[in-house]
N, C-alpha and C. Protein backbone atom coordinates (compact mmCIF):
# COMPACT_ATOMS: atom_id res chain seq x y z
N MET A 1 -97.47 -74.38 2.99
CA MET A 1 -96.02 -74.28 2.80
C MET A 1 -95.67 -73.13 1.81
N LEU A 2 -94.71 -72.37 2.06
CA LEU A 2 -94.31 -71.15 1.39
C LEU A 2 -93.09 -71.62 0.66
N THR A 3 -93.31 -71.40 -0.81
CA THR A 3 -92.17 -71.80 -1.61
C THR A 3 -91.83 -70.73 -2.68
N ASP A 4 -90.67 -70.37 -3.00
CA ASP A 4 -90.41 -69.62 -4.09
C ASP A 4 -89.14 -69.78 -4.70
N PHE A 5 -88.67 -69.41 -5.85
CA PHE A 5 -87.44 -69.79 -6.29
C PHE A 5 -86.45 -68.59 -6.17
N CYS A 6 -85.27 -68.82 -6.00
CA CYS A 6 -84.13 -67.77 -5.78
C CYS A 6 -82.93 -68.29 -6.57
N ILE A 7 -82.06 -67.30 -6.77
CA ILE A 7 -80.83 -67.56 -7.46
C ILE A 7 -79.78 -67.16 -6.53
N LEU A 8 -78.95 -68.20 -6.01
CA LEU A 8 -77.83 -67.70 -5.06
C LEU A 8 -76.51 -68.32 -5.65
N SER A 9 -75.55 -67.55 -5.74
CA SER A 9 -74.23 -68.13 -6.40
C SER A 9 -74.43 -68.89 -7.59
N GLU A 10 -75.34 -68.45 -8.54
CA GLU A 10 -75.62 -68.96 -9.70
C GLU A 10 -76.26 -70.47 -9.61
N ASP A 11 -76.61 -70.79 -8.43
CA ASP A 11 -77.29 -72.00 -8.18
C ASP A 11 -79.03 -71.74 -8.15
N LEU A 12 -79.67 -72.47 -8.74
CA LEU A 12 -81.13 -72.46 -8.66
C LEU A 12 -81.53 -73.32 -7.55
N CYS A 13 -82.44 -72.62 -6.69
CA CYS A 13 -82.63 -73.31 -5.26
C CYS A 13 -84.16 -72.84 -5.06
N MET A 14 -84.71 -73.81 -4.19
CA MET A 14 -86.07 -73.60 -3.84
C MET A 14 -86.21 -73.22 -2.31
N ARG A 15 -86.80 -72.28 -1.96
CA ARG A 15 -86.96 -71.74 -0.74
C ARG A 15 -88.27 -72.30 -0.20
N THR A 16 -88.02 -73.20 1.13
CA THR A 16 -89.32 -73.63 1.73
C THR A 16 -89.44 -73.35 3.17
N THR A 17 -90.45 -73.33 3.61
CA THR A 17 -90.54 -73.21 5.13
C THR A 17 -90.98 -74.61 5.72
N LEU A 18 -90.17 -75.03 6.82
CA LEU A 18 -90.37 -76.36 7.38
C LEU A 18 -90.61 -75.95 9.00
N ASP A 19 -91.44 -76.82 9.39
CA ASP A 19 -91.44 -76.97 10.92
C ASP A 19 -90.57 -77.97 11.56
N PHE A 20 -89.79 -77.71 12.27
CA PHE A 20 -89.06 -78.59 13.14
C PHE A 20 -89.39 -78.56 14.73
N GLU A 21 -89.18 -79.83 15.37
CA GLU A 21 -89.38 -79.67 16.69
C GLU A 21 -88.09 -78.68 17.38
N ASP A 22 -88.58 -78.07 18.40
CA ASP A 22 -87.47 -77.05 18.89
C ASP A 22 -86.28 -77.71 19.21
N ASN A 23 -86.39 -78.66 19.76
CA ASN A 23 -84.92 -79.31 20.23
C ASN A 23 -84.02 -79.82 19.07
N LEU A 24 -84.77 -80.36 18.04
CA LEU A 24 -84.07 -81.14 16.84
C LEU A 24 -83.54 -79.48 16.16
N PHE A 25 -84.31 -78.58 16.12
CA PHE A 25 -83.81 -77.31 15.37
C PHE A 25 -82.54 -76.67 15.86
N ARG A 26 -82.59 -76.58 17.50
CA ARG A 26 -81.45 -76.17 18.21
C ARG A 26 -80.26 -76.93 18.05
N GLU A 27 -80.40 -78.37 17.91
CA GLU A 27 -79.13 -79.29 17.85
C GLU A 27 -78.71 -78.93 16.33
N ALA A 28 -79.47 -78.84 15.47
CA ALA A 28 -78.82 -78.78 14.14
C ALA A 28 -78.08 -77.31 14.00
N LYS A 29 -78.99 -76.41 14.52
CA LYS A 29 -78.16 -75.04 14.45
C LYS A 29 -76.80 -74.86 15.23
N ALA A 30 -76.88 -75.86 16.31
CA ALA A 30 -75.49 -75.71 17.17
C ALA A 30 -74.55 -76.53 16.23
N ARG A 31 -74.84 -77.68 15.78
CA ARG A 31 -73.98 -78.41 14.79
C ARG A 31 -73.46 -77.77 13.80
N ALA A 32 -74.35 -77.01 13.10
CA ALA A 32 -73.83 -76.33 11.75
C ALA A 32 -72.96 -75.11 12.50
N ALA A 33 -73.09 -74.43 13.49
CA ALA A 33 -72.08 -73.56 13.86
C ALA A 33 -70.79 -74.21 14.41
N GLU A 34 -70.76 -75.43 14.87
CA GLU A 34 -69.55 -76.04 15.13
C GLU A 34 -68.99 -76.35 13.92
N LEU A 35 -69.49 -76.82 13.05
CA LEU A 35 -68.73 -76.98 11.62
C LEU A 35 -68.60 -75.76 10.72
N GLY A 36 -69.05 -74.38 11.45
CA GLY A 36 -68.85 -73.32 10.60
C GLY A 36 -69.45 -73.23 9.25
N GLU A 37 -70.65 -73.70 9.17
CA GLU A 37 -71.51 -73.64 7.84
C GLU A 37 -72.73 -73.26 8.16
N PRO A 38 -73.43 -72.91 7.01
CA PRO A 38 -74.84 -72.37 7.38
C PRO A 38 -75.60 -73.58 7.68
N LEU A 39 -76.79 -73.39 8.27
CA LEU A 39 -77.58 -74.44 8.66
C LEU A 39 -78.34 -75.11 7.35
N THR A 40 -78.31 -74.23 6.42
CA THR A 40 -78.88 -74.76 5.06
C THR A 40 -78.14 -75.86 4.42
N ARG A 41 -76.61 -75.53 4.59
CA ARG A 41 -75.78 -76.61 3.94
C ARG A 41 -75.89 -78.18 4.87
N LEU A 42 -76.13 -77.84 6.20
CA LEU A 42 -75.96 -78.93 6.94
C LEU A 42 -77.35 -79.58 6.67
N LEU A 43 -78.52 -79.16 6.53
CA LEU A 43 -79.78 -79.83 6.42
C LEU A 43 -79.75 -80.42 5.04
N GLU A 44 -79.11 -79.57 3.87
CA GLU A 44 -79.13 -80.25 2.57
C GLU A 44 -78.34 -81.62 2.62
N ARG A 45 -77.27 -81.70 3.27
CA ARG A 45 -76.23 -82.94 3.47
C ARG A 45 -77.05 -83.79 4.12
N ALA A 46 -77.78 -83.61 5.22
CA ALA A 46 -78.47 -84.59 5.87
C ALA A 46 -79.73 -85.25 5.02
N VAL A 47 -80.33 -84.49 4.38
CA VAL A 47 -81.49 -84.92 3.58
C VAL A 47 -80.84 -85.83 2.52
N ARG A 48 -79.68 -85.30 1.88
CA ARG A 48 -78.97 -86.13 0.81
C ARG A 48 -78.66 -87.49 1.33
N LEU A 49 -78.05 -87.62 2.48
CA LEU A 49 -77.67 -88.78 3.21
C LEU A 49 -78.80 -89.67 3.53
N TYR A 50 -79.84 -89.12 3.92
CA TYR A 50 -81.14 -89.99 4.20
C TYR A 50 -81.54 -90.53 2.80
N LEU A 51 -81.80 -89.65 1.71
CA LEU A 51 -82.24 -90.15 0.51
C LEU A 51 -81.22 -91.23 -0.24
N HIS A 52 -79.93 -91.18 0.16
CA HIS A 52 -79.03 -92.29 -0.48
C HIS A 52 -78.69 -93.25 0.43
N GLY A 53 -79.53 -93.49 1.47
CA GLY A 53 -79.33 -94.76 2.04
C GLY A 53 -77.89 -94.55 3.14
N GLY A 54 -77.71 -93.27 3.58
CA GLY A 54 -76.55 -93.03 4.36
C GLY A 54 -75.21 -92.93 4.03
N LYS A 55 -75.29 -93.07 2.68
CA LYS A 55 -73.86 -92.94 1.90
C LYS A 55 -73.68 -91.59 1.41
N PRO A 56 -72.61 -90.80 1.77
CA PRO A 56 -72.46 -89.74 0.90
C PRO A 56 -72.21 -89.55 -0.47
N SER A 57 -72.48 -88.87 -1.25
CA SER A 57 -72.37 -88.84 -2.67
C SER A 57 -70.89 -88.29 -2.95
N GLU A 58 -70.33 -87.70 -2.04
CA GLU A 58 -68.87 -87.19 -2.42
C GLU A 58 -68.20 -87.23 -0.89
N PRO A 59 -67.05 -87.52 -0.94
CA PRO A 59 -66.22 -87.25 0.41
C PRO A 59 -66.38 -86.09 0.86
N THR A 60 -66.29 -85.91 2.24
CA THR A 60 -66.49 -84.79 2.81
C THR A 60 -64.90 -84.16 3.09
N PHE A 61 -63.93 -85.24 3.13
CA PHE A 61 -62.64 -84.70 3.34
C PHE A 61 -61.78 -86.08 2.66
N LEU A 62 -60.74 -85.40 1.97
CA LEU A 62 -59.85 -86.35 1.31
C LEU A 62 -58.30 -85.98 1.73
N PHE A 63 -57.76 -86.69 2.43
CA PHE A 63 -56.44 -86.55 2.89
C PHE A 63 -55.35 -86.83 1.97
N ALA A 64 -54.81 -85.96 1.28
CA ALA A 64 -53.61 -86.16 0.31
C ALA A 64 -52.25 -85.42 0.74
N PRO A 65 -51.47 -86.28 1.48
CA PRO A 65 -50.31 -85.77 1.90
C PRO A 65 -49.40 -85.10 0.91
N LEU A 66 -48.73 -83.85 1.36
CA LEU A 66 -47.88 -83.38 0.38
C LEU A 66 -46.33 -83.90 0.75
N ILE A 67 -45.82 -84.42 0.10
CA ILE A 67 -44.40 -85.11 0.41
C ILE A 67 -43.40 -84.40 -0.58
N LYS A 68 -42.54 -83.53 -0.04
CA LYS A 68 -41.34 -82.71 -0.72
C LYS A 68 -40.28 -83.41 -0.88
N SER A 69 -39.94 -84.28 -0.03
CA SER A 69 -38.64 -85.12 -0.34
C SER A 69 -38.95 -86.45 0.36
N GLY A 70 -38.46 -87.57 -0.15
CA GLY A 70 -38.38 -88.78 0.62
C GLY A 70 -39.49 -89.43 -0.07
N ARG A 71 -40.24 -90.30 0.44
CA ARG A 71 -41.29 -91.23 -0.10
C ARG A 71 -42.15 -91.46 1.11
N PRO A 72 -43.53 -91.98 0.88
CA PRO A 72 -44.26 -92.47 1.94
C PRO A 72 -43.75 -93.62 2.52
N THR A 73 -43.92 -93.89 3.82
CA THR A 73 -43.36 -95.13 4.51
C THR A 73 -44.52 -96.19 4.15
N ALA A 74 -43.92 -97.28 3.96
CA ALA A 74 -44.74 -98.41 3.48
C ALA A 74 -45.63 -98.91 4.69
N GLY A 75 -46.77 -99.25 4.51
CA GLY A 75 -47.40 -99.76 5.49
C GLY A 75 -48.36 -98.98 6.48
N VAL A 76 -48.04 -97.64 5.98
CA VAL A 76 -49.00 -96.66 7.02
C VAL A 76 -50.26 -96.45 6.27
N ASP A 77 -51.25 -96.67 7.12
CA ASP A 77 -52.71 -96.33 6.61
C ASP A 77 -52.60 -94.79 6.99
N TRP A 78 -52.86 -94.02 5.89
CA TRP A 78 -53.22 -92.61 6.36
C TRP A 78 -54.54 -92.18 6.84
N ASP A 79 -55.37 -93.21 6.73
CA ASP A 79 -56.85 -92.76 7.21
C ASP A 79 -57.03 -93.34 8.69
N ASP A 80 -55.92 -93.86 9.33
CA ASP A 80 -55.86 -94.27 10.57
C ASP A 80 -54.94 -93.50 11.46
N ARG A 81 -55.65 -92.38 12.27
CA ARG A 81 -54.98 -91.45 12.78
C ARG A 81 -53.90 -92.05 13.99
N ASP A 82 -54.53 -92.80 14.77
CA ASP A 82 -53.89 -93.48 15.87
C ASP A 82 -52.58 -94.26 15.55
N THR A 83 -52.72 -95.00 14.32
CA THR A 83 -51.52 -95.59 13.82
C THR A 83 -50.28 -94.48 13.31
N LEU A 84 -50.91 -93.54 12.92
CA LEU A 84 -50.04 -92.39 12.34
C LEU A 84 -49.13 -91.77 13.58
N TYR A 85 -50.03 -91.69 14.71
CA TYR A 85 -49.41 -90.96 15.88
C TYR A 85 -48.42 -92.12 16.45
N GLU A 86 -48.83 -93.52 16.34
CA GLU A 86 -47.71 -94.36 16.71
C GLU A 86 -46.51 -94.53 16.17
N ARG A 87 -46.75 -94.33 14.89
CA ARG A 87 -45.55 -94.21 13.97
C ARG A 87 -44.69 -93.09 14.14
N MET A 88 -45.25 -91.78 14.24
CA MET A 88 -44.55 -90.59 14.60
C MET A 88 -43.65 -90.69 15.95
N GLU A 89 -44.13 -91.16 16.98
CA GLU A 89 -43.63 -91.41 18.31
C GLU A 89 -42.50 -92.41 18.14
N GLU A 90 -42.49 -93.49 17.43
CA GLU A 90 -41.45 -94.36 17.23
C GLU A 90 -40.06 -93.66 16.66
N ARG A 91 -40.41 -92.65 15.76
CA ARG A 91 -39.12 -91.98 15.21
C ARG A 91 -38.52 -90.88 16.26
N GLY A 92 -39.26 -90.40 17.26
CA GLY A 92 -38.97 -89.46 17.96
C GLY A 92 -37.93 -89.87 19.17
């Protein structure tokens, strides 16, 4: 195993050579491309999820609506996309 230390963006990291099954590597690389992120970030996140029992240490996305006038509609679950669409169609 080849390892060395590097400094990227003020983060200390370890560079390691890993052997993956070809299909798994291609899937991971394609998924990283879909997400628009480097393969390294995808693999880091996958290892963190595995080590922490499948629970992300930080949310990947937090929806915080910007309300310029008015107030949020009572009873709307902002995390439920289908309910949001239904409520929007009711007003139209």
